[in-house]
Amino acid sequence: MRASQALLLCSSLAVLLQPSSCQPYLRLRPSPSDNLPIKDIIEHPDPEYDPKEQDLDDRTLRKKLGSNFDPAFMSVAAPAQVNLSSPDPLHRVKVPGPLPNELKKLELGETPYGARLKMGKKARRKFLQWLWAYTYCPVLYTWKDLGIRFWPRYIKEGNCFSEKSCSFPEGMYCKPVKSVTKTFLRWYCQGWSRQKYCTWIPVQYPVISECKCSC
């Protein structure tokens, strides 16, 4: 592979694996954000497409990834005391912070059709706190194993809690509204059998960073 071809390949934000390489089409930047988190990637089962031991030198790969290595969202080894197959994210839900401005400005002393309601300051504060806790949509983070063809192999992936409605009355659910991009190295092969050329290329992997109660 010529240097110019390799540079073009490395600068891509999405990776297209040609059918001749016997690997599936891979797109790491789904759009719109409703498609997040990224679904599990179907890899070719042939171990010939796996990186060898000499390709997994930690020092070399850290240097190649450079400042993109983010230990808060990626790990070379399986994170300790984490069940990757059946995570229980609920124990990581944080209590909502201060009330958002749109709730603080909510007028509770009058109905939409003009009727006046009496509500003390304490009752109003308690109701708004309950409403904020009920409609709050935290990002639930769990570690995911991307497989040996990614480096680092483990990513802390965000999800929106969607097992029940976040609105009152019911009907709205927590959905992703923002994401951040993390750069990983992807083992990429071209060609056939012994004539194939394999190398590590940078790919961008979006991670949900904010969820919101919406339709």
Foldseek 3Di string as FASTA:
>chain_A
DDPVVQVVQQPDQAHQADVQQVFHGTGQDDPDQQCPPPDAGDGDPPCVLFDDPVQPPPVVQCVVCDPLDDVVWFDQDDDPPADQVDGDQPVVDDQDDDQDPVLVPDDPQADPVGDGDDDDPVRSVVVSSVLCRLFAWDWGWGKHANDRQKPSRITTATDTDFPAASDVVGDWGKGFDDKDKGKIWGWDWDDDDPPIDIDTHIYIHIHGDDIGTDD
